[in-house]
Amino acid sequence: EQAMTLFAQPTVDARAVEAVRQQMVQQHDQS
C-alpha cells in the first residue's frame, strides 16, 4: 500500500520507493 501511494504522487520519490522495495525484500527473506 505504501508503494502504491508513492507511485500515485505527482512526483515519484525514487529514494522512498527504493526504501519500501528494500523492506519488501527483507520481509520476503524473513518468510
Full PDB file with SEQRES, HELIX, SHEET, SSBOND, CRYST1, ORIGX, SCALE, CONECT and MASTER records, all heavy atoms in Angstrom:
SEQRES   1 A   31  GLU GLN ALA MET THR LEU PHE ALA GLN PRO THR VAL ASP          
SEQRES   2 A   31  ALA ARG ALA VAL GLU ALA VAL ARG GLN GLN MET VAL GLN          
SEQRES   3 A   31  GLN HIS ASP GLN SER                                          
HELIX    1 AA1 GLN A    2  PHE A    7  1                                   6    
HELIX    2 AA2 ALA A   14  GLN A   30  1                                  17    
CRYST1    1.000    1.000    1.000  90.00  90.00  90.00 P 1           1          
ORIGX1      1.000000  0.000000  0.000000        0.00000                         
ORIGX2      0.000000  1.000000  0.000000        0.00000                         
ORIGX3      0.000000  0.000000  1.000000        0.00000                         
SCALE1      1.000000  0.000000  0.000000        0.00000                         
SCALE2      0.000000  1.000000  0.000000        0.00000                         
SCALE3      0.000000  0.000000  1.000000        0.00000                         
ATOM      1  N   GLU A   1       0.829  -1.200   0.000  1.00  0.00           N  
ATOM      2  CA  GLU A   1       0.000   0.000   0.000  1.00  0.00           C  
ATOM      3  C   GLU A   1       0.865   1.253   0.000  1.00  0.00           C  
ATOM      4  O   GLU A   1       0.558   2.228  -0.690  1.00  0.00           O  
ATOM      5  CB  GLU A   1      -0.959  -0.025   1.190  1.00  0.00           C  
ATOM      6  CG  GLU A   1      -2.045  -1.074   1.042  1.00  0.00           C  
ATOM      7  CD  GLU A   1      -2.886  -1.255   2.296  1.00  0.00           C  
ATOM      8  OE1 GLU A   1      -2.712  -0.476   3.267  1.00  0.00           O  
ATOM      9  OE2 GLU A   1      -3.717  -2.175   2.307  1.00  0.00           O  
ATOM     10  N   GLN A   2       1.962   1.222   0.778  1.00  0.00           N  
ATOM     11  CA  GLN A   2       2.893   2.350   0.790  1.00  0.00           C  
ATOM     12  C   GLN A   2       3.458   2.592  -0.606  1.00  0.00           C  
ATOM     13  O   GLN A   2       3.534   3.740  -1.062  1.00  0.00           O  
ATOM     14  CB  GLN A   2       4.071   2.063   1.732  1.00  0.00           C  
ATOM     15  CG  GLN A   2       3.906   2.543   3.131  1.00  0.00           C  
ATOM     16  CD  GLN A   2       5.204   2.320   3.900  1.00  0.00           C  
ATOM     17  OE1 GLN A   2       5.739   1.214   3.936  1.00  0.00           O  
ATOM     18  NE2 GLN A   2       5.695   3.370   4.528  1.00  0.00           N  
ATOM     19  N   ALA A   3       3.857   1.525  -1.272  1.00  0.00           N  
ATOM     20  CA  ALA A   3       4.432   1.654  -2.613  1.00  0.00           C  
ATOM     21  C   ALA A   3       3.408   2.241  -3.576  1.00  0.00           C  
ATOM     22  O   ALA A   3       3.737   3.132  -4.378  1.00  0.00           O  
ATOM     23  CB  ALA A   3       4.934   0.297  -3.114  1.00  0.00           C  
ATOM     24  N   MET A   4       2.175   1.772  -3.508  1.00  0.00           N  
ATOM     25  CA  MET A   4       1.141   2.304  -4.403  1.00  0.00           C  
ATOM     26  C   MET A   4       0.907   3.790  -4.139  1.00  0.00           C  
ATOM     27  O   MET A   4       0.742   4.578  -5.071  1.00  0.00           O  
ATOM     28  CB  MET A   4      -0.164   1.507  -4.252  1.00  0.00           C  
ATOM     29  CG  MET A   4      -0.061   0.116  -4.842  1.00  0.00           C  
ATOM     30  SD  MET A   4      -1.625  -0.789  -4.938  1.00  0.00           S  
ATOM     31  CE  MET A   4      -2.325  -0.606  -3.316  1.00  0.00           C  
ATOM     32  N   THR A   5       0.916   4.176  -2.882  1.00  0.00           N  
ATOM     33  CA  THR A   5       0.746   5.588  -2.540  1.00  0.00           C  
ATOM     34  C   THR A   5       1.889   6.413  -3.108  1.00  0.00           C  
ATOM     35  O   THR A   5       1.674   7.497  -3.653  1.00  0.00           O  
ATOM     36  CB  THR A   5       0.663   5.758  -1.006  1.00  0.00           C  
ATOM     37  OG1 THR A   5      -0.458   5.017  -0.522  1.00  0.00           O  
ATOM     38  CG2 THR A   5       0.516   7.217  -0.615  1.00  0.00           C  
ATOM     39  N   LEU A   6       3.100   5.917  -2.985  1.00  0.00           N  
ATOM     40  CA  LEU A   6       4.259   6.633  -3.522  1.00  0.00           C  
ATOM     41  C   LEU A   6       4.168   6.800  -5.040  1.00  0.00           C  
ATOM     42  O   LEU A   6       4.486   7.862  -5.575  1.00  0.00           O  
ATOM     43  CB  LEU A   6       5.558   5.911  -3.143  1.00  0.00           C  
ATOM     44  CG  LEU A   6       5.950   5.983  -1.669  1.00  0.00           C  
ATOM     45  CD1 LEU A   6       7.093   5.015  -1.374  1.00  0.00           C  
ATOM     46  CD2 LEU A   6       6.333   7.413  -1.289  1.00  0.00           C  
ATOM     47  N   PHE A   7       3.746   5.759  -5.718  1.00  0.00           N  
ATOM     48  CA  PHE A   7       3.650   5.826  -7.178  1.00  0.00           C  
ATOM     49  C   PHE A   7       2.493   6.715  -7.642  1.00  0.00           C  
ATOM     50  O   PHE A   7       2.485   7.186  -8.775  1.00  0.00           O  
ATOM     51  CB  PHE A   7       3.521   4.433  -7.791  1.00  0.00           C  
ATOM     52  CG  PHE A   7       4.830   3.725  -7.909  1.00  0.00           C  
ATOM     53  CD1 PHE A   7       5.100   2.613  -7.139  1.00  0.00           C  
ATOM     54  CD2 PHE A   7       5.816   4.169  -8.799  1.00  0.00           C  
ATOM     55  CE1 PHE A   7       6.318   1.956  -7.246  1.00  0.00           C  
ATOM     56  CE2 PHE A   7       7.029   3.520  -8.908  1.00  0.00           C  
ATOM     57  CZ  PHE A   7       7.289   2.411  -8.132  1.00  0.00           C  
ATOM     58  N   ALA A   8       1.530   6.959  -6.779  1.00  0.00           N  
ATOM     59  CA  ALA A   8       0.384   7.778  -7.152  1.00  0.00           C  
ATOM     60  C   ALA A   8       0.648   9.277  -6.963  1.00  0.00           C  
ATOM     61  O   ALA A   8      -0.187  10.098  -7.357  1.00  0.00           O  
ATOM     62  CB  ALA A   8      -0.840   7.363  -6.333  1.00  0.00           C  
ATOM     63  N   GLN A   9       1.769   9.632  -6.382  1.00  0.00           N  
ATOM     64  CA  GLN A   9       2.099  11.039  -6.148  1.00  0.00           C  
ATOM     65  C   GLN A   9       2.412  11.752  -7.465  1.00  0.00           C  
ATOM     66  O   GLN A   9       2.870  11.124  -8.421  1.00  0.00           O  
ATOM     67  CB  GLN A   9       3.310  11.148  -5.208  1.00  0.00           C  
ATOM     68  CG  GLN A   9       3.097  10.531  -3.841  1.00  0.00           C  
ATOM     69  CD  GLN A   9       1.931  11.166  -3.111  1.00  0.00           C  
ATOM     70  OE1 GLN A   9       1.825  12.387  -3.004  1.00  0.00           O  
ATOM     71  NE2 GLN A   9       1.022  10.324  -2.622  1.00  0.00           N  
ATOM     72  N   PRO A  10       2.190  13.060  -7.504  1.00  0.00           N  
ATOM     73  CA  PRO A  10       2.512  13.816  -8.720  1.00  0.00           C  
ATOM     74  C   PRO A  10       3.991  13.673  -9.110  1.00  0.00           C  
ATOM     75  O   PRO A  10       4.317  13.573 -10.288  1.00  0.00           O  
ATOM     76  CB  PRO A  10       2.182  15.270  -8.347  1.00  0.00           C  
ATOM     77  CG  PRO A  10       1.255  15.177  -7.190  1.00  0.00           C  
ATOM     78  CD  PRO A  10       1.574  13.894  -6.473  1.00  0.00           C  
ATOM     79  N   THR A  11       4.861  13.631  -8.104  1.00  0.00           N  
ATOM     80  CA  THR A  11       6.283  13.393  -8.335  1.00  0.00           C  
ATOM     81  C   THR A  11       6.668  12.172  -7.524  1.00  0.00           C  
ATOM     82  O   THR A  11       6.493  12.151  -6.300  1.00  0.00           O  
ATOM     83  CB  THR A  11       7.129  14.605  -7.887  1.00  0.00           C  
ATOM     84  OG1 THR A  11       6.675  15.767  -8.582  1.00  0.00           O  
ATOM     85  CG2 THR A  11       8.600  14.362  -8.177  1.00  0.00           C  
ATOM     86  N   VAL A  12       7.204  11.163  -8.199  1.00  0.00           N  
ATOM     87  CA  VAL A  12       7.552   9.920  -7.516  1.00  0.00           C  
ATOM     88  C   VAL A  12       8.940  10.070  -6.900  1.00  0.00           C  
ATOM     89  O   VAL A  12       9.909  10.399  -7.586  1.00  0.00           O  
ATOM     90  CB  VAL A  12       7.514   8.726  -8.495  1.00  0.00           C  
ATOM     91  CG1 VAL A  12       7.937   7.448  -7.786  1.00  0.00           C  
ATOM     92  CG2 VAL A  12       6.124   8.584  -9.087  1.00  0.00           C  
ATOM     93  N   ASP A  13       9.016   9.812  -5.600  1.00  0.00           N  
ATOM     94  CA  ASP A  13      10.276   9.898  -4.864  1.00  0.00           C  
ATOM     95  C   ASP A  13      10.995   8.545  -4.997  1.00  0.00           C  
ATOM     96  O   ASP A  13      10.641   7.570  -4.335  1.00  0.00           O  
ATOM     97  CB  ASP A  13       9.985  10.220  -3.402  1.00  0.00           C  
ATOM     98  CG  ASP A  13      11.239  10.363  -2.547  1.00  0.00           C  
ATOM     99  OD1 ASP A  13      12.344  10.014  -3.013  1.00  0.00           O  
ATOM    100  OD2 ASP A  13      11.099  10.816  -1.391  1.00  0.00           O  
ATOM    101  N   ALA A  14      12.003   8.519  -5.855  1.00  0.00           N  
ATOM    102  CA  ALA A  14      12.715   7.266  -6.139  1.00  0.00           C  
ATOM    103  C   ALA A  14      13.364   6.681  -4.888  1.00  0.00           C  
ATOM    104  O   ALA A  14      13.376   5.459  -4.704  1.00  0.00           O  
ATOM    105  CB  ALA A  14      13.776   7.500  -7.219  1.00  0.00           C  
ATOM    106  N   ARG A  15      13.884   7.532  -4.019  1.00  0.00           N  
ATOM    107  CA  ARG A  15      14.531   7.035  -2.790  1.00  0.00           C  
ATOM    108  C   ARG A  15      13.513   6.363  -1.864  1.00  0.00           C  
ATOM    109  O   ARG A  15      13.788   5.328  -1.277  1.00  0.00           O  
ATOM    110  CB  ARG A  15      15.249   8.161  -2.070  1.00  0.00           C  
ATOM    111  CG  ARG A  15      16.499   8.612  -2.782  1.00  0.00           C  
ATOM    112  CD  ARG A  15      17.214   9.673  -1.990  1.00  0.00           C  
ATOM    113  NE  ARG A  15      18.299  10.219  -2.788  1.00  0.00           N  
ATOM    114  CZ  ARG A  15      18.836  11.382  -2.593  1.00  0.00           C  
ATOM    115  NH1 ARG A  15      18.421  12.157  -1.602  1.00  0.00           N  
ATOM    116  NH2 ARG A  15      19.807  11.802  -3.370  1.00  0.00           N  
ATOM    117  N   ALA A  16      12.351   6.981  -1.752  1.00  0.00           N  
ATOM    118  CA  ALA A  16      11.310   6.406  -0.891  1.00  0.00           C  
ATOM    119  C   ALA A  16      10.820   5.074  -1.462  1.00  0.00           C  
ATOM    120  O   ALA A  16      10.611   4.107  -0.715  1.00  0.00           O  
ATOM    121  CB  ALA A  16      10.148   7.381  -0.740  1.00  0.00           C  
ATOM    122  N   VAL A  17      10.653   5.018  -2.779  1.00  0.00           N  
ATOM    123  CA  VAL A  17      10.234   3.769  -3.419  1.00  0.00           C  
ATOM    124  C   VAL A  17      11.283   2.687  -3.184  1.00  0.00           C  
ATOM    125  O   VAL A  17      10.950   1.546  -2.845  1.00  0.00           O  
ATOM    126  CB  VAL A  17       9.977   3.977  -4.933  1.00  0.00           C  
ATOM    127  CG1 VAL A  17       9.777   2.648  -5.641  1.00  0.00           C  
ATOM    128  CG2 VAL A  17       8.776   4.890  -5.147  1.00  0.00           C  
ATOM    129  N   GLU A  18      12.535   3.038  -3.333  1.00  0.00           N  
ATOM    130  CA  GLU A  18      13.612   2.064  -3.116  1.00  0.00           C  
ATOM    131  C   GLU A  18      13.641   1.588  -1.667  1.00  0.00           C  
ATOM    132  O   GLU A  18      13.858   0.405  -1.394  1.00  0.00           O  
ATOM    133  CB  GLU A  18      14.965   2.661  -3.513  1.00  0.00           C  
ATOM    134  CG  GLU A  18      16.144   1.757  -3.253  1.00  0.00           C  
ATOM    135  CD  GLU A  18      16.112   0.421  -3.987  1.00  0.00           C  
ATOM    136  OE1 GLU A  18      15.351   0.256  -4.963  1.00  0.00           O  
ATOM    137  OE2 GLU A  18      16.858  -0.498  -3.572  1.00  0.00           O  
ATOM    138  N   ALA A  19      13.404   2.484  -0.730  1.00  0.00           N  
ATOM    139  CA  ALA A  19      13.384   2.099   0.681  1.00  0.00           C  
ATOM    140  C   ALA A  19      12.265   1.089   0.954  1.00  0.00           C  
ATOM    141  O   ALA A  19      12.470   0.097   1.669  1.00  0.00           O  
ATOM    142  CB  ALA A  19      13.217   3.334   1.564  1.00  0.00           C  
ATOM    143  N   VAL A  20      11.099   1.323   0.366  1.00  0.00           N  
ATOM    144  CA  VAL A  20       9.981   0.386   0.534  1.00  0.00           C  
ATOM    145  C   VAL A  20      10.319  -0.944  -0.131  1.00  0.00           C  
ATOM    146  O   VAL A  20      10.046  -2.013   0.428  1.00  0.00           O  
ATOM    147  CB  VAL A  20       8.668   0.987  -0.023  1.00  0.00           C  
ATOM    148  CG1 VAL A  20       7.567  -0.062  -0.057  1.00  0.00           C  
ATOM    149  CG2 VAL A  20       8.240   2.183   0.806  1.00  0.00           C  
ATOM    150  N   ARG A  21      10.928  -0.883  -1.318  1.00  0.00           N  
ATOM    151  CA  ARG A  21      11.310  -2.114  -2.012  1.00  0.00           C  
ATOM    152  C   ARG A  21      12.279  -2.936  -1.159  1.00  0.00           C  
ATOM    153  O   ARG A  21      12.138  -4.151  -1.030  1.00  0.00           O  
ATOM    154  CB  ARG A  21      11.957  -1.803  -3.368  1.00  0.00           C  
ATOM    155  CG  ARG A  21      12.242  -3.067  -4.193  1.00  0.00           C  
ATOM    156  CD  ARG A  21      13.187  -2.779  -5.333  1.00  0.00           C  
ATOM    157  NE  ARG A  21      14.527  -2.469  -4.885  1.00  0.00           N  
ATOM    158  CZ  ARG A  21      15.431  -3.392  -4.494  1.00  0.00           C  
ATOM    159  NH1 ARG A  21      15.126  -4.664  -4.502  1.00  0.00           N  
ATOM    160  NH2 ARG A  21      16.628  -3.027  -4.100  1.00  0.00           N  
ATOM    161  N   GLN A  22      13.231  -2.270  -0.539  1.00  0.00           N  
ATOM    162  CA  GLN A  22      14.185  -2.983   0.310  1.00  0.00           C  
ATOM    163  C   GLN A  22      13.494  -3.616   1.510  1.00  0.00           C  
ATOM    164  O   GLN A  22      13.828  -4.733   1.915  1.00  0.00           O  
ATOM    165  CB  GLN A  22      15.312  -2.047   0.740  1.00  0.00           C  
ATOM    166  CG  GLN A  22      16.262  -1.720  -0.394  1.00  0.00           C  
ATOM    167  CD  GLN A  22      17.357  -0.760   0.015  1.00  0.00           C  
ATOM    168  OE1 GLN A  22      17.523  -0.447   1.190  1.00  0.00           O  
ATOM    169  NE2 GLN A  22      18.110  -0.283  -0.966  1.00  0.00           N  
ATOM    170  N   GLN A  23      12.515  -2.928   2.073  1.00  0.00           N  
ATOM    171  CA  GLN A  23      11.743  -3.509   3.181  1.00  0.00           C  
ATOM    172  C   GLN A  23      10.982  -4.742   2.704  1.00  0.00           C  
ATOM    173  O   GLN A  23      10.885  -5.738   3.432  1.00  0.00           O  
ATOM    174  CB  GLN A  23      10.782  -2.486   3.766  1.00  0.00           C  
ATOM    175  CG  GLN A  23      11.453  -1.382   4.541  1.00  0.00           C  
ATOM    176  CD  GLN A  23      10.453  -0.349   5.030  1.00  0.00           C  
ATOM    177  OE1 GLN A  23       9.500   0.003   4.334  1.00  0.00           O  
ATOM    178  NE2 GLN A  23      10.669   0.145   6.240  1.00  0.00           N  
ATOM    179  N   MET A  24      10.441  -4.682   1.488  1.00  0.00           N  
ATOM    180  CA  MET A  24       9.718  -5.832   0.929  1.00  0.00           C  
ATOM    181  C   MET A  24      10.665  -7.018   0.742  1.00  0.00           C  
ATOM    182  O   MET A  24      10.290  -8.159   1.040  1.00  0.00           O  
ATOM    183  CB  MET A  24       9.080  -5.462  -0.410  1.00  0.00           C  
ATOM    184  CG  MET A  24       7.928  -4.518  -0.316  1.00  0.00           C  
ATOM    185  SD  MET A  24       7.400  -4.015  -1.971  1.00  0.00           S  
ATOM    186  CE  MET A  24       5.666  -3.764  -1.700  1.00  0.00           C  
ATOM    187  N   VAL A  25      11.853  -6.747   0.264  1.00  0.00           N  
ATOM    188  CA  VAL A  25      12.843  -7.814   0.077  1.00  0.00           C  
ATOM    189  C   VAL A  25      13.204  -8.434   1.423  1.00  0.00           C  
ATOM    190  O   VAL A  25      13.298  -9.661   1.557  1.00  0.00           O  
ATOM    191  CB  VAL A  25      14.095  -7.279  -0.654  1.00  0.00           C  
ATOM    192  CG1 VAL A  25      15.234  -8.289  -0.606  1.00  0.00           C  
ATOM    193  CG2 VAL A  25      13.762  -6.922  -2.092  1.00  0.00           C  
ATOM    194  N   GLN A  26      13.378  -7.612   2.446  1.00  0.00           N  
ATOM    195  CA  GLN A  26      13.679  -8.133   3.786  1.00  0.00           C  
ATOM    196  C   GLN A  26      12.535  -8.993   4.309  1.00  0.00           C  
ATOM    197  O   GLN A  26      12.764 -10.054   4.899  1.00  0.00           O  
ATOM    198  CB  GLN A  26      13.944  -6.980   4.762  1.00  0.00           C  
ATOM    199  CG  GLN A  26      15.267  -6.295   4.565  1.00  0.00           C  
ATOM    200  CD  GLN A  26      15.425  -5.104   5.502  1.00  0.00           C  
ATOM    201  OE1 GLN A  26      14.453  -4.540   6.008  1.00  0.00           O  
ATOM    202  NE2 GLN A  26      16.679  -4.711   5.736  1.00  0.00           N  
ATOM    203  N   GLN A  27      11.297  -8.555   4.079  1.00  0.00           N  
ATOM    204  CA  GLN A  27      10.142  -9.329   4.538  1.00  0.00           C  
ATOM    205  C   GLN A  27      10.095 -10.665   3.826  1.00  0.00           C  
ATOM    206  O   GLN A  27       9.853 -11.694   4.447  1.00  0.00           O  
ATOM    207  CB  GLN A  27       8.855  -8.530   4.297  1.00  0.00           C  
ATOM    208  CG  GLN A  27       7.624  -9.158   4.897  1.00  0.00           C  
ATOM    209  CD  GLN A  27       7.026 -10.263   4.056  1.00  0.00           C  
ATOM    210  OE1 GLN A  27       7.115 -10.268   2.838  1.00  0.00           O  
ATOM    211  NE2 GLN A  27       6.432 -11.238   4.709  1.00  0.00           N  
ATOM    212  N   HIS A  28      10.326 -10.650   2.519  1.00  0.00           N  
ATOM    213  CA  HIS A  28      10.330 -11.901   1.760  1.00  0.00           C  
ATOM    214  C   HIS A  28      11.440 -12.822   2.258  1.00  0.00           C  
ATOM    215  O   HIS A  28      11.232 -14.033   2.399  1.00  0.00           O  
ATOM    216  CB  HIS A  28      10.510 -11.616   0.270  1.00  0.00           C  
ATOM    217  CG  HIS A  28      10.565 -12.855  -0.550  1.00  0.00           C  
ATOM    218  ND1 HIS A  28       9.454 -13.593  -0.858  1.00  0.00           N  
ATOM    219  CD2 HIS A  28      11.613 -13.517  -1.094  1.00  0.00           C  
ATOM    220  CE1 HIS A  28       9.804 -14.658  -1.560  1.00  0.00           C  
ATOM    221  NE2 HIS A  28      11.109 -14.626  -1.722  1.00  0.00           N  
ATOM    222  N   ASP A  29      12.594 -12.271   2.568  1.00  0.00           N  
ATOM    223  CA  ASP A  29      13.709 -13.073   3.074  1.00  0.00           C  
ATOM    224  C   ASP A  29      13.358 -13.691   4.428  1.00  0.00           C  
ATOM    225  O   ASP A  29      13.660 -14.866   4.676  1.00  0.00           O  
ATOM    226  CB  ASP A  29      14.964 -12.210   3.175  1.00  0.00           C  
ATOM    227  CG  ASP A  29      16.185 -13.024   3.540  1.00  0.00           C  
ATOM    228  OD1 ASP A  29      16.474 -14.020   2.827  1.00  0.00           O  
ATOM    229  OD2 ASP A  29      16.855 -12.686   4.532  1.00  0.00           O  
ATOM    230  N   GLN A  30      12.696 -12.936   5.287  1.00  0.00           N  
ATOM    231  CA  GLN A  30      12.277 -13.485   6.581  1.00  0.00           C  
ATOM    232  C   GLN A  30      11.320 -14.652   6.394  1.00  0.00           C  
ATOM    233  O   GLN A  30      11.436 -15.684   7.066  1.00  0.00           O  
ATOM    234  CB  GLN A  30      11.594 -12.412   7.427  1.00  0.00           C  
ATOM    235  CG  GLN A  30      12.502 -11.400   8.033  1.00  0.00           C  
ATOM    236  CD  GLN A  30      11.717 -10.341   8.800  1.00  0.00           C  
ATOM    237  OE1 GLN A  30      10.554 -10.044   8.482  1.00  0.00           O  
ATOM    238  NE2 GLN A  30      12.338  -9.758   9.811  1.00  0.00           N  
ATOM    239  N   SER A  31      10.370 -14.473   5.493  1.00  0.00           N  
ATOM    240  CA  SER A  31       9.407 -15.531   5.213  1.00  0.00           C  
ATOM    241  C   SER A  31      10.110 -16.769   4.666  1.00  0.00           C  
ATOM    242  O   SER A  31       9.836 -17.895   5.093  1.00  0.00           O  
ATOM    243  CB  SER A  31       8.367 -15.012   4.222  1.00  0.00           C  
ATOM    244  OG  SER A  31       7.443 -16.013   3.914  1.00  0.00           O  
TER     245      SER A  31                                                      
MASTER        0    0    0    2    0    0    0    6  244    1    0    3          
END                                                                             
